[in-house]
Full PDB file with SEQRES, HELIX, SHEET, SSBOND, CRYST1, ORIGX, SCALE, CONECT and MASTER records, all heavy atoms in Angstrom:
SEQRES   1 A   37  GLN THR ILE ARG ALA ILE GLY GLN ALA ALA ARG VAL GLU          
SEQRES   2 A   37  ILE ALA GLU ALA THR GLU CYS PRO VAL HIS LEU PHE LEU          
SEQRES   3 A   37  PHE VAL LYS VAL ARG GLU ASN TRP ALA ASP ASP                  
HELIX    1 AA1 THR A    2  THR A   18  1                                  17    
HELIX    2 AA2 TRP A   34  ASP A   36  5                                   3    
CRYST1    1.000    1.000    1.000  90.00  90.00  90.00 P 1           1          
ORIGX1      1.000000  0.000000  0.000000        0.00000                         
ORIGX2      0.000000  1.000000  0.000000        0.00000                         
ORIGX3      0.000000  0.000000  1.000000        0.00000                         
SCALE1      1.000000  0.000000  0.000000        0.00000                         
SCALE2      0.000000  1.000000  0.000000        0.00000                         
SCALE3      0.000000  0.000000  1.000000        0.00000                         
ATOM      1  N   GLN A   1      16.451  14.566  -2.086  1.00  0.00           N  
ATOM      2  CA  GLN A   1      16.136  13.437  -1.193  1.00  0.00           C  
ATOM      3  C   GLN A   1      16.402  12.077  -1.849  1.00  0.00           C  
ATOM      4  O   GLN A   1      16.927  11.160  -1.221  1.00  0.00           O  
ATOM      5  CB  GLN A   1      14.666  13.500  -0.767  1.00  0.00           C  
ATOM      6  CG  GLN A   1      14.385  14.533   0.296  1.00  0.00           C  
ATOM      7  CD  GLN A   1      12.907  14.550   0.662  1.00  0.00           C  
ATOM      8  OE1 GLN A   1      12.046  14.407  -0.205  1.00  0.00           O  
ATOM      9  NE2 GLN A   1      12.609  14.728   1.935  1.00  0.00           N  
ATOM     10  N   THR A   2      16.013  11.947  -3.126  1.00  0.00           N  
ATOM     11  CA  THR A   2      16.131  10.643  -3.793  1.00  0.00           C  
ATOM     12  C   THR A   2      17.593  10.240  -3.960  1.00  0.00           C  
ATOM     13  O   THR A   2      17.978   9.108  -3.644  1.00  0.00           O  
ATOM     14  CB  THR A   2      15.424  10.676  -5.162  1.00  0.00           C  
ATOM     15  OG1 THR A   2      14.071  11.078  -4.959  1.00  0.00           O  
ATOM     16  CG2 THR A   2      15.442   9.310  -5.822  1.00  0.00           C  
ATOM     17  N   ILE A   3      18.415  11.167  -4.439  1.00  0.00           N  
ATOM     18  CA  ILE A   3      19.827  10.821  -4.675  1.00  0.00           C  
ATOM     19  C   ILE A   3      20.534  10.534  -3.343  1.00  0.00           C  
ATOM     20  O   ILE A   3      21.414   9.673  -3.268  1.00  0.00           O  
ATOM     21  CB  ILE A   3      20.563  11.931  -5.482  1.00  0.00           C  
ATOM     22  CG1 ILE A   3      21.905  11.410  -6.023  1.00  0.00           C  
ATOM     23  CG2 ILE A   3      20.768  13.185  -4.675  1.00  0.00           C  
ATOM     24  CD1 ILE A   3      21.797  10.367  -7.093  1.00  0.00           C  
ATOM     25  N   ARG A   4      20.100  11.206  -2.265  1.00  0.00           N  
ATOM     26  CA  ARG A   4      20.693  10.921  -0.946  1.00  0.00           C  
ATOM     27  C   ARG A   4      20.363   9.498  -0.494  1.00  0.00           C  
ATOM     28  O   ARG A   4      21.219   8.771  -0.003  1.00  0.00           O  
ATOM     29  CB  ARG A   4      20.198  11.939   0.093  1.00  0.00           C  
ATOM     30  CG  ARG A   4      21.076  13.180   0.190  1.00  0.00           C  
ATOM     31  CD  ARG A   4      20.880  13.920   1.508  1.00  0.00           C  
ATOM     32  NE  ARG A   4      19.509  14.362   1.702  1.00  0.00           N  
ATOM     33  CZ  ARG A   4      18.981  15.481   1.186  1.00  0.00           C  
ATOM     34  NH1 ARG A   4      19.752  16.265   0.443  1.00  0.00           N  
ATOM     35  NH2 ARG A   4      17.729  15.809   1.397  1.00  0.00           N  
ATOM     36  N   ALA A   5      19.094   9.115  -0.685  1.00  0.00           N  
ATOM     37  CA  ALA A   5      18.675   7.750  -0.288  1.00  0.00           C  
ATOM     38  C   ALA A   5      19.401   6.705  -1.123  1.00  0.00           C  
ATOM     39  O   ALA A   5      19.836   5.658  -0.606  1.00  0.00           O  
ATOM     40  CB  ALA A   5      17.165   7.611  -0.461  1.00  0.00           C  
ATOM     41  N   ILE A   6      19.550   6.965  -2.424  1.00  0.00           N  
ATOM     42  CA  ILE A   6      20.280   6.040  -3.310  1.00  0.00           C  
ATOM     43  C   ILE A   6      21.727   5.924  -2.835  1.00  0.00           C  
ATOM     44  O   ILE A   6      22.280   4.826  -2.732  1.00  0.00           O  
ATOM     45  CB  ILE A   6      20.219   6.537  -4.777  1.00  0.00           C  
ATOM     46  CG1 ILE A   6      18.800   6.357  -5.342  1.00  0.00           C  
ATOM     47  CG2 ILE A   6      21.241   5.807  -5.651  1.00  0.00           C  
ATOM     48  CD1 ILE A   6      18.540   7.132  -6.617  1.00  0.00           C  
ATOM     49  N   GLY A   7      22.346   7.059  -2.537  1.00  0.00           N  
ATOM     50  CA  GLY A   7      23.741   7.078  -2.084  1.00  0.00           C  
ATOM     51  C   GLY A   7      23.938   6.307  -0.785  1.00  0.00           C  
ATOM     52  O   GLY A   7      24.909   5.557  -0.634  1.00  0.00           O  
ATOM     53  N   GLN A   8      22.996   6.474   0.155  1.00  0.00           N  
ATOM     54  CA  GLN A   8      23.107   5.766   1.442  1.00  0.00           C  
ATOM     55  C   GLN A   8      23.036   4.252   1.241  1.00  0.00           C  
ATOM     56  O   GLN A   8      23.830   3.494   1.797  1.00  0.00           O  
ATOM     57  CB  GLN A   8      21.996   6.224   2.400  1.00  0.00           C  
ATOM     58  CG  GLN A   8      22.276   7.588   3.006  1.00  0.00           C  
ATOM     59  CD  GLN A   8      21.041   8.184   3.677  1.00  0.00           C  
ATOM     60  OE1 GLN A   8      19.955   7.606   3.643  1.00  0.00           O  
ATOM     61  NE2 GLN A   8      21.203   9.356   4.277  1.00  0.00           N  
ATOM     62  N   ALA A   9      22.069   3.819   0.421  1.00  0.00           N  
ATOM     63  CA  ALA A   9      21.903   2.379   0.174  1.00  0.00           C  
ATOM     64  C   ALA A   9      23.127   1.805  -0.549  1.00  0.00           C  
ATOM     65  O   ALA A   9      23.610   0.716  -0.212  1.00  0.00           O  
ATOM     66  CB  ALA A   9      20.641   2.132  -0.656  1.00  0.00           C  
ATOM     67  N   ALA A  10      23.641   2.549  -1.535  1.00  0.00           N  
ATOM     68  CA  ALA A  10      24.810   2.082  -2.298  1.00  0.00           C  
ATOM     69  C   ALA A  10      26.049   2.033  -1.399  1.00  0.00           C  
ATOM     70  O   ALA A  10      26.842   1.091  -1.465  1.00  0.00           O  
ATOM     71  CB  ALA A  10      25.062   2.996  -3.493  1.00  0.00           C  
ATOM     72  N   ARG A  11      26.204   3.048  -0.535  1.00  0.00           N  
ATOM     73  CA  ARG A  11      27.394   3.122   0.323  1.00  0.00           C  
ATOM     74  C   ARG A  11      27.503   1.885   1.229  1.00  0.00           C  
ATOM     75  O   ARG A  11      28.581   1.321   1.399  1.00  0.00           O  
ATOM     76  CB  ARG A  11      27.341   4.399   1.166  1.00  0.00           C  
ATOM     77  CG  ARG A  11      28.558   4.607   2.055  1.00  0.00           C  
ATOM     78  CD  ARG A  11      28.464   5.910   2.816  1.00  0.00           C  
ATOM     79  NE  ARG A  11      27.228   6.015   3.579  1.00  0.00           N  
ATOM     80  CZ  ARG A  11      26.972   5.361   4.718  1.00  0.00           C  
ATOM     81  NH1 ARG A  11      27.872   4.527   5.214  1.00  0.00           N  
ATOM     82  NH2 ARG A  11      25.825   5.517   5.353  1.00  0.00           N  
ATOM     83  N   VAL A  12      26.369   1.443   1.765  1.00  0.00           N  
ATOM     84  CA  VAL A  12      26.371   0.278   2.660  1.00  0.00           C  
ATOM     85  C   VAL A  12      26.882  -0.958   1.918  1.00  0.00           C  
ATOM     86  O   VAL A  12      27.739  -1.698   2.412  1.00  0.00           O  
ATOM     87  CB  VAL A  12      24.949   0.022   3.224  1.00  0.00           C  
ATOM     88  CG1 VAL A  12      24.884  -1.308   3.945  1.00  0.00           C  
ATOM     89  CG2 VAL A  12      24.542   1.156   4.159  1.00  0.00           C  
ATOM     90  N   GLU A  13      26.372  -1.179   0.701  1.00  0.00           N  
ATOM     91  CA  GLU A  13      26.778  -2.378  -0.053  1.00  0.00           C  
ATOM     92  C   GLU A  13      28.202  -2.281  -0.589  1.00  0.00           C  
ATOM     93  O   GLU A  13      28.919  -3.265  -0.648  1.00  0.00           O  
ATOM     94  CB  GLU A  13      25.796  -2.646  -1.196  1.00  0.00           C  
ATOM     95  CG  GLU A  13      24.582  -3.374  -0.695  1.00  0.00           C  
ATOM     96  CD  GLU A  13      23.871  -4.155  -1.787  1.00  0.00           C  
ATOM     97  OE1 GLU A  13      24.454  -4.373  -2.863  1.00  0.00           O  
ATOM     98  OE2 GLU A  13      22.724  -4.538  -1.538  1.00  0.00           O  
ATOM     99  N   ILE A  14      28.607  -1.071  -0.991  1.00  0.00           N  
ATOM    100  CA  ILE A  14      29.986  -0.910  -1.481  1.00  0.00           C  
ATOM    101  C   ILE A  14      30.961  -1.158  -0.332  1.00  0.00           C  
ATOM    102  O   ILE A  14      32.015  -1.780  -0.508  1.00  0.00           O  
ATOM    103  CB  ILE A  14      30.190   0.488  -2.115  1.00  0.00           C  
ATOM    104  CG1 ILE A  14      29.331   0.631  -3.380  1.00  0.00           C  
ATOM    105  CG2 ILE A  14      31.664   0.704  -2.466  1.00  0.00           C  
ATOM    106  CD1 ILE A  14      29.257   2.045  -3.933  1.00  0.00           C  
ATOM    107  N   ALA A  15      30.594  -0.705   0.874  1.00  0.00           N  
ATOM    108  CA  ALA A  15      31.447  -0.936   2.052  1.00  0.00           C  
ATOM    109  C   ALA A  15      31.585  -2.433   2.332  1.00  0.00           C  
ATOM    110  O   ALA A  15      32.660  -2.912   2.695  1.00  0.00           O  
ATOM    111  CB  ALA A  15      30.870  -0.211   3.275  1.00  0.00           C  
ATOM    112  N   GLU A  16      30.494  -3.187   2.118  1.00  0.00           N  
ATOM    113  CA  GLU A  16      30.559  -4.648   2.295  1.00  0.00           C  
ATOM    114  C   GLU A  16      31.506  -5.271   1.269  1.00  0.00           C  
ATOM    115  O   GLU A  16      32.291  -6.155   1.576  1.00  0.00           O  
ATOM    116  CB  GLU A  16      29.160  -5.267   2.135  1.00  0.00           C  
ATOM    117  CG  GLU A  16      28.284  -5.110   3.359  1.00  0.00           C  
ATOM    118  CD  GLU A  16      26.875  -5.658   3.120  1.00  0.00           C  
ATOM    119  OE1 GLU A  16      26.704  -6.435   2.164  1.00  0.00           O  
ATOM    120  OE2 GLU A  16      25.975  -5.290   3.875  1.00  0.00           O  
ATOM    121  N   ALA A  17      31.414  -4.789   0.021  1.00  0.00           N  
ATOM    122  CA  ALA A  17      32.242  -5.344  -1.059  1.00  0.00           C  
ATOM    123  C   ALA A  17      33.722  -5.002  -0.868  1.00  0.00           C  
ATOM    124  O   ALA A  17      34.601  -5.824  -1.148  1.00  0.00           O  
ATOM    125  CB  ALA A  17      31.762  -4.836  -2.413  1.00  0.00           C  
ATOM    126  N   THR A  18      34.008  -3.779  -0.385  1.00  0.00           N  
ATOM    127  CA  THR A  18      35.404  -3.340  -0.246  1.00  0.00           C  
ATOM    128  C   THR A  18      35.982  -3.684   1.123  1.00  0.00           C  
ATOM    129  O   THR A  18      37.186  -3.606   1.333  1.00  0.00           O  
ATOM    130  CB  THR A  18      35.521  -1.815  -0.441  1.00  0.00           C  
ATOM    131  OG1 THR A  18      34.660  -1.167   0.509  1.00  0.00           O  
ATOM    132  CG2 THR A  18      35.132  -1.392  -1.844  1.00  0.00           C  
ATOM    133  N   GLU A  19      35.066  -4.062   2.048  1.00  0.00           N  
ATOM    134  CA  GLU A  19      35.465  -4.386   3.430  1.00  0.00           C  
ATOM    135  C   GLU A  19      36.192  -3.228   4.100  1.00  0.00           C  
ATOM    136  O   GLU A  19      37.184  -3.409   4.815  1.00  0.00           O  
ATOM    137  CB  GLU A  19      36.335  -5.665   3.459  1.00  0.00           C  
ATOM    138  CG  GLU A  19      35.584  -6.885   2.932  1.00  0.00           C  
ATOM    139  CD  GLU A  19      36.414  -8.161   2.946  1.00  0.00           C  
ATOM    140  OE1 GLU A  19      37.656  -8.069   3.011  1.00  0.00           O  
ATOM    141  OE2 GLU A  19      35.814  -9.249   2.883  1.00  0.00           O  
ATOM    142  N   CYS A  20      35.703  -1.992   3.842  1.00  0.00           N  
ATOM    143  CA  CYS A  20      36.247  -0.826   4.541  1.00  0.00           C  
ATOM    144  C   CYS A  20      35.200   0.291   4.521  1.00  0.00           C  
ATOM    145  O   CYS A  20      34.269   0.251   3.704  1.00  0.00           O  
ATOM    146  CB  CYS A  20      37.549  -0.355   3.891  1.00  0.00           C  
ATOM    147  SG  CYS A  20      37.346   0.339   2.243  1.00  0.00           S  
ATOM    148  N   PRO A  21      35.322   1.289   5.413  1.00  0.00           N  
ATOM    149  CA  PRO A  21      34.361   2.400   5.403  1.00  0.00           C  
ATOM    150  C   PRO A  21      34.410   3.151   4.067  1.00  0.00           C  
ATOM    151  O   PRO A  21      35.481   3.311   3.469  1.00  0.00           O  
ATOM    152  CB  PRO A  21      34.838   3.297   6.552  1.00  0.00           C  
ATOM    153  CG  PRO A  21      35.705   2.425   7.400  1.00  0.00           C  
ATOM    154  CD  PRO A  21      36.326   1.430   6.479  1.00  0.00           C  
ATOM    155  N   VAL A  22      33.249   3.606   3.607  1.00  0.00           N  
ATOM    156  CA  VAL A  22      33.159   4.261   2.297  1.00  0.00           C  
ATOM    157  C   VAL A  22      32.521   5.647   2.439  1.00  0.00           C  
ATOM    158  O   VAL A  22      31.512   5.812   3.123  1.00  0.00           O  
ATOM    159  CB  VAL A  22      32.313   3.388   1.324  1.00  0.00           C  
ATOM    160  CG1 VAL A  22      31.916   4.184   0.080  1.00  0.00           C  
ATOM    161  CG2 VAL A  22      33.086   2.135   0.921  1.00  0.00           C  
ATOM    162  N   HIS A  23      33.134   6.628   1.800  1.00  0.00           N  
ATOM    163  CA  HIS A  23      32.537   7.962   1.664  1.00  0.00           C  
ATOM    164  C   HIS A  23      32.151   8.093   0.190  1.00  0.00           C  
ATOM    165  O   HIS A  23      33.034   8.124  -0.679  1.00  0.00           O  
ATOM    166  CB  HIS A  23      33.541   9.060   2.049  1.00  0.00           C  
ATOM    167  CG  HIS A  23      34.190   8.816   3.388  1.00  0.00           C  
ATOM    168  ND1 HIS A  23      33.574   9.135   4.574  1.00  0.00           N  
ATOM    169  CD2 HIS A  23      35.395   8.259   3.710  1.00  0.00           C  
ATOM    170  CE1 HIS A  23      34.371   8.787   5.580  1.00  0.00           C  
ATOM    171  NE2 HIS A  23      35.473   8.254   5.080  1.00  0.00           N  
ATOM    172  N   LEU A  24      30.861   8.124  -0.087  1.00  0.00           N  
ATOM    173  CA  LEU A  24      30.381   8.101  -1.478  1.00  0.00           C  
ATOM    174  C   LEU A  24      29.738   9.431  -1.847  1.00  0.00           C  
ATOM    175  O   LEU A  24      28.866   9.936  -1.136  1.00  0.00           O  
ATOM    176  CB  LEU A  24      29.362   6.968  -1.648  1.00  0.00           C  
ATOM    177  CG  LEU A  24      28.720   6.804  -3.030  1.00  0.00           C  
ATOM    178  CD1 LEU A  24      29.769   6.459  -4.088  1.00  0.00           C  
ATOM    179  CD2 LEU A  24      27.631   5.728  -2.997  1.00  0.00           C  
ATOM    180  N   PHE A  25      30.169   9.999  -2.966  1.00  0.00           N  
ATOM    181  CA  PHE A  25      29.623  11.266  -3.458  1.00  0.00           C  
ATOM    182  C   PHE A  25      29.061  11.039  -4.864  1.00  0.00           C  
ATOM    183  O   PHE A  25      29.780  10.576  -5.751  1.00  0.00           O  
ATOM    184  CB  PHE A  25      30.715  12.341  -3.487  1.00  0.00           C  
ATOM    185  CG  PHE A  25      31.297  12.617  -2.124  1.00  0.00           C  
ATOM    186  CD1 PHE A  25      32.371  11.854  -1.654  1.00  0.00           C  
ATOM    187  CD2 PHE A  25      30.750  13.599  -1.305  1.00  0.00           C  
ATOM    188  CE1 PHE A  25      32.899  12.080  -0.380  1.00  0.00           C  
ATOM    189  CE2 PHE A  25      31.272  13.837  -0.033  1.00  0.00           C  
ATOM    190  CZ  PHE A  25      32.343  13.068   0.427  1.00  0.00           C  
ATOM    191  N   LEU A  26      27.775  11.350  -5.043  1.00  0.00           N  
ATOM    192  CA  LEU A  26      27.111  11.115  -6.331  1.00  0.00           C  
ATOM    193  C   LEU A  26      26.765  12.434  -7.013  1.00  0.00           C  
ATOM    194  O   LEU A  26      26.294  13.379  -6.367  1.00  0.00           O  
ATOM    195  CB  LEU A  26      25.813  10.312  -6.115  1.00  0.00           C  
ATOM    196  CG  LEU A  26      25.949   8.908  -5.524  1.00  0.00           C  
ATOM    197  CD1 LEU A  26      24.578   8.260  -5.397  1.00  0.00           C  
ATOM    198  CD2 LEU A  26      26.861   8.033  -6.378  1.00  0.00           C  
ATOM    199  N   PHE A  27      26.981  12.477  -8.314  1.00  0.00           N  
ATOM    200  CA  PHE A  27      26.627  13.633  -9.132  1.00  0.00           C  
ATOM    201  C   PHE A  27      25.763  13.139 -10.287  1.00  0.00           C  
ATOM    202  O   PHE A  27      26.008  12.056 -10.814  1.00  0.00           O  
ATOM    203  CB  PHE A  27      27.899  14.314  -9.671  1.00  0.00           C  
ATOM    204  CG  PHE A  27      28.877  14.679  -8.590  1.00  0.00           C  
ATOM    205  CD1 PHE A  27      29.879  13.780  -8.204  1.00  0.00           C  
ATOM    206  CD2 PHE A  27      28.783  15.893  -7.928  1.00  0.00           C  
ATOM    207  CE1 PHE A  27      30.775  14.091  -7.186  1.00  0.00           C  
ATOM    208  CE2 PHE A  27      29.670  16.224  -6.906  1.00  0.00           C  
ATOM    209  CZ  PHE A  27      30.667  15.320  -6.534  1.00  0.00           C  
ATOM    210  N   VAL A  28      24.768  13.927 -10.670  1.00  0.00           N  
ATOM    211  CA  VAL A  28      23.870  13.514 -11.756  1.00  0.00           C  
ATOM    212  C   VAL A  28      24.037  14.480 -12.923  1.00  0.00           C  
ATOM    213  O   VAL A  28      23.918  15.695 -12.757  1.00  0.00           O  
ATOM    214  CB  VAL A  28      22.389  13.509 -11.296  1.00  0.00           C  
ATOM    215  CG1 VAL A  28      21.509  12.908 -12.396  1.00  0.00           C  
ATOM    216  CG2 VAL A  28      22.227  12.716 -10.000  1.00  0.00           C  
ATOM    217  N   LYS A  29      24.342  13.932 -14.099  1.00  0.00           N  
ATOM    218  CA  LYS A  29      24.548  14.768 -15.287  1.00  0.00           C  
ATOM    219  C   LYS A  29      23.713  14.259 -16.451  1.00  0.00           C  
ATOM    220  O   LYS A  29      23.471  13.053 -16.576  1.00  0.00           O  
ATOM    221  CB  LYS A  29      26.026  14.747 -15.706  1.00  0.00           C  
ATOM    222  CG  LYS A  29      26.956  15.442 -14.707  1.00  0.00           C  
ATOM    223  CD  LYS A  29      28.372  15.450 -15.236  1.00  0.00           C  
ATOM    224  CE  LYS A  29      29.315  16.095 -14.211  1.00  0.00           C  
ATOM    225  NZ  LYS A  29      30.720  15.993 -14.651  1.00  0.00           N  
ATOM    226  N   VAL A  30      23.325  15.188 -17.299  1.00  0.00           N  
ATOM    227  CA  VAL A  30      22.597  14.827 -18.522  1.00  0.00           C  
ATOM    228  C   VAL A  30      23.620  14.628 -19.634  1.00  0.00           C  
ATOM    229  O   VAL A  30      24.477  15.481 -19.873  1.00  0.00           O  
ATOM    230  CB  VAL A  30      21.603  15.938 -18.933  1.00  0.00           C  
ATOM    231  CG1 VAL A  30      20.922  15.576 -20.253  1.00  0.00           C  
ATOM    232  CG2 VAL A  30      20.564  16.154 -17.837  1.00  0.00           C  
ATOM    233  N   ARG A  31      23.566  13.473 -20.270  1.00  0.00           N  
ATOM    234  CA  ARG A  31      24.393  13.230 -21.451  1.00  0.00           C  
ATOM    235  C   ARG A  31      23.486  12.638 -22.514  1.00  0.00           C  
ATOM    236  O   ARG A  31      23.198  11.442 -22.512  1.00  0.00           O  
ATOM    237  CB  ARG A  31      25.552  12.281 -21.125  1.00  0.00           C  
ATOM    238  CG  ARG A  31      26.470  12.063 -22.327  1.00  0.00           C  
ATOM    239  CD  ARG A  31      27.552  11.060 -21.998  1.00  0.00           C  
ATOM    240  NE  ARG A  31      28.709  11.687 -21.405  1.00  0.00           N  
ATOM    241  CZ  ARG A  31      29.626  11.037 -20.705  1.00  0.00           C  
ATOM    242  NH1 ARG A  31      29.500   9.745 -20.500  1.00  0.00           N  
ATOM    243  NH2 ARG A  31      30.668  11.653 -20.199  1.00  0.00           N  
ATOM    244  N   GLU A  32      23.008  13.503 -23.389  1.00  0.00           N  
ATOM    245  CA  GLU A  32      22.059  13.054 -24.418  1.00  0.00           C  
ATOM    246  C   GLU A  32      22.744  12.078 -25.361  1.00  0.00           C  
ATOM    247  O   GLU A  32      23.920  12.198 -25.668  1.00  0.00           O  
ATOM    248  CB  GLU A  32      21.526  14.258 -25.198  1.00  0.00           C  
ATOM    249  CG  GLU A  32      20.589  15.128 -24.356  1.00  0.00           C  
ATOM    250  CD  GLU A  32      20.054  16.306 -25.141  1.00  0.00           C  
ATOM    251  OE1 GLU A  32      20.134  16.263 -26.384  1.00  0.00           O  
ATOM    252  OE2 GLU A  32      19.553  17.247 -24.503  1.00  0.00           O  
ATOM    253  N   ASN A  33      21.962  11.113 -25.802  1.00  0.00           N  
ATOM    254  CA  ASN A  33      22.433  10.132 -26.796  1.00  0.00           C  
ATOM    255  C   ASN A  33      23.669   9.353 -26.349  1.00  0.00           C  
ATOM    256  O   ASN A  33      24.466   8.922 -27.165  1.00  0.00           O  
ATOM    257  CB  ASN A  33      22.738  10.818 -28.146  1.00  0.00           C  
ATOM    258  CG  ASN A  33      21.527  11.539 -28.683  1.00  0.00           C  
ATOM    259  OD1 ASN A  33      20.416  11.054 -28.560  1.00  0.00           O  
ATOM    260  ND2 ASN A  33      21.743  12.712 -29.253  1.00  0.00           N  
ATOM    261  N   TRP A  34      23.836   9.167 -25.000  1.00  0.00           N  
ATOM    262  CA  TRP A  34      25.008   8.397 -24.583  1.00  0.00           C  
ATOM    263  C   TRP A  34      24.937   6.972 -25.112  1.00  0.00           C  
ATOM    264  O   TRP A  34      25.962   6.328 -25.313  1.00  0.00           O  
ATOM    265  CB  TRP A  34      25.183   8.425 -23.058  1.00  0.00           C  
ATOM    266  CG  TRP A  34      24.231   7.563 -22.281  1.00  0.00           C  
ATOM    267  CD1 TRP A  34      23.103   7.962 -21.637  1.00  0.00           C  
ATOM    268  CD2 TRP A  34      24.311   6.153 -22.069  1.00  0.00           C  
ATOM    269  NE1 TRP A  34      22.469   6.902 -21.050  1.00  0.00           N  
ATOM    270  CE2 TRP A  34      23.189   5.771 -21.286  1.00  0.00           C  
ATOM    271  CE3 TRP A  34      25.211   5.158 -22.451  1.00  0.00           C  
ATOM    272  CZ2 TRP A  34      22.950   4.458 -20.891  1.00  0.00           C  
ATOM    273  CZ3 TRP A  34      24.965   3.853 -22.050  1.00  0.00           C  
ATOM    274  CH2 TRP A  34      23.852   3.507 -21.281  1.00  0.00           C  
ATOM    275  N   ALA A  35      23.714   6.486 -25.387  1.00  0.00           N  
ATOM    276  CA  ALA A  35      23.578   5.111 -25.883  1.00  0.00           C  
ATOM    277  C   ALA A  35      24.070   4.972 -27.327  1.00  0.00           C  
ATOM    278  O   ALA A  35      24.074   3.884 -27.879  1.00  0.00           O  
ATOM    279  CB  ALA A  35      22.131   4.654 -25.779  1.00  0.00           C  
ATOM    280  N   ASP A  36      24.475   6.096 -27.951  1.00  0.00           N  
ATOM    281  CA  ASP A  36      25.062   6.036 -29.296  1.00  0.00           C  
ATOM    282  C   ASP A  36      26.555   6.372 -29.276  1.00  0.00           C  
ATOM    283  O   ASP A  36      27.155   6.611 -30.312  1.00  0.00           O  
ATOM    284  CB  ASP A  36      24.338   7.019 -30.235  1.00  0.00           C  
ATOM    285  CG  ASP A  36      22.890   6.608 -30.456  1.00  0.00           C  
ATOM    286  OD1 ASP A  36      22.634   5.392 -30.516  1.00  0.00           O  
ATOM    287  OD2 ASP A  36      22.025   7.494 -30.545  1.00  0.00           O  
ATOM    288  N   ASP A  37      27.156   6.399 -28.080  1.00  0.00           N  
ATOM    289  CA  ASP A  37      28.562   6.787 -27.944  1.00  0.00           C  
ATOM    290  C   ASP A  37      29.428   5.528 -27.783  1.00  0.00           C  
ATOM    291  O   ASP A  37      29.308   4.819 -26.789  1.00  0.00           O  
ATOM    292  CB  ASP A  37      28.695   7.698 -26.711  1.00  0.00           C  
ATOM    293  CG  ASP A  37      30.130   8.158 -26.481  1.00  0.00           C  
ATOM    294  OD1 ASP A  37      31.038   7.682 -27.195  1.00  0.00           O  
ATOM    295  OD2 ASP A  37      30.336   8.991 -25.578  1.00  0.00           O  
TER     296      ASP A  37                                                      
MASTER        0    0    0    2    0    0    0    6  295    1    0    3          
END                                                                             
């Protein structure tokens, strides 16, 4: 539910920025220690 709500909110604003319809697909991955990469 949470990632769907995030995706819906982001899609609306990205569509405004790109001035075209947007199909947005989000994936969530764990990447440990990415802040040291």
